[in-house]
Amino acid sequence: MPIYEYQCQQCGTHFELIRAYSQADSPAQCPRCTSIETKRKLSKVNAFSNGKSLTDSGPSCGSCSGGSCSTCGS
């Protein structure tokens, strides 16, 4: 099952939950204040193939998120 990141709208706590895909957007209870006013956050990932990062565009490029970039050539 995937790990989802959430942020509590009441106290600002960031937390993670392991949940089924079908539960990703279901209410998640904050472990700090027990509020269910939480939002799922967009998680960042880094994929590797043959020892090379597929999502890292290198230290000189901050304008793209990987894939095809005319600035750094990645």
Protein backbone atom coordinates (compact mmCIF):
# COMPACT_ATOMS: atom_id res chain seq x y z
CA MET A 1 0.00 0.00 0.00
CA PRO A 2 1.22 3.53 -0.72
CA ILE A 3 2.26 6.12 1.85
CA TYR A 4 0.27 9.36 1.69
CA GLU A 5 1.26 12.69 3.23
CA TYR A 6 -1.28 14.91 4.96
CA GLN A 7 -1.32 18.29 6.69
CA CYS A 8 -3.70 19.22 9.48
CA GLN A 9 -5.61 22.43 8.80
CA GLN A 10 -6.09 23.04 12.55
CA CYS A 11 -2.58 22.71 14.01
CA GLY A 12 -0.37 22.49 10.88
CA THR A 13 1.06 19.07 11.70
CA HIS A 14 2.47 17.11 8.73
CA PHE A 15 2.02 13.35 8.95
CA GLU A 16 2.04 10.20 6.82
CA LEU A 17 -0.38 7.28 6.59
CA ILE A 18 -0.13 3.94 4.83
CA ARG A 19 -3.50 3.49 3.16
CA ALA A 20 -5.14 1.73 0.24
CA TYR A 21 -5.62 3.76 -2.94
CA SER A 22 -9.36 3.78 -2.29
CA GLN A 23 -8.80 5.56 1.05
CA ALA A 24 -6.39 8.24 -0.18
CA ASP A 25 -8.92 11.07 -0.03
CA SER A 26 -10.92 9.79 2.94
CA PRO A 27 -10.74 11.88 6.13
CA ALA A 28 -7.47 11.33 7.99
CA GLN A 29 -7.24 12.05 11.71
CA CYS A 30 -4.35 14.25 12.87
CA PRO A 31 -2.14 12.35 15.34
CA ARG A 32 -1.44 15.56 17.29
CA CYS A 33 -4.82 17.30 17.76
CA THR A 34 -7.18 14.53 16.48
CA SER A 35 -8.87 16.88 14.00
CA ILE A 36 -10.16 15.37 10.75
CA GLU A 37 -9.74 18.69 8.94
CA THR A 38 -6.72 17.49 6.97
CA LYS A 39 -5.58 17.78 3.36
CA ARG A 40 -3.60 15.26 1.36
CA LYS A 41 -0.35 16.76 0.10
CA LEU A 42 1.39 16.14 -3.19
CA SER A 43 4.33 13.84 -2.46
CA LYS A 44 7.68 14.14 -4.17
CA VAL A 45 9.39 11.00 -5.42
CA ASN A 46 12.73 10.17 -6.97
CA ALA A 47 12.91 7.26 -9.40
CA PHE A 48 16.13 5.48 -10.39
CA SER A 49 17.05 3.31 -13.37
CA ASN A 50 20.49 1.76 -13.80
CA GLY A 51 21.79 3.89 -10.92
CA LYS A 52 20.73 7.18 -12.54
CA SER A 53 18.00 9.43 -11.19
CA LEU A 54 15.12 9.79 -13.64
CA THR A 55 13.67 12.85 -11.89
CA ASP A 56 16.75 14.83 -10.84
CA SER A 57 17.69 17.47 -13.38
CA GLY A 58 20.99 18.26 -11.67
CA PRO A 59 22.21 21.13 -9.54
CA SER A 60 22.22 23.72 -12.32
CA CYS A 61 18.56 23.49 -13.25
CA GLY A 62 15.66 24.47 -11.03
CA SER A 63 13.08 25.27 -13.68
CA CYS A 64 11.93 21.75 -14.58
CA SER A 65 10.73 18.73 -12.66
CA GLY A 66 12.53 16.15 -14.75
CA GLY A 67 11.76 14.69 -18.13
CA SER A 68 12.49 16.98 -21.06
CA CYS A 69 14.08 20.36 -20.29
CA SER A 70 15.56 22.72 -22.87
CA THR A 71 17.49 24.64 -20.16
CA CYS A 72 19.61 21.80 -18.81
CA GLY A 73 19.14 19.20 -21.54
CA SER A 74 17.78 16.52 -19.22
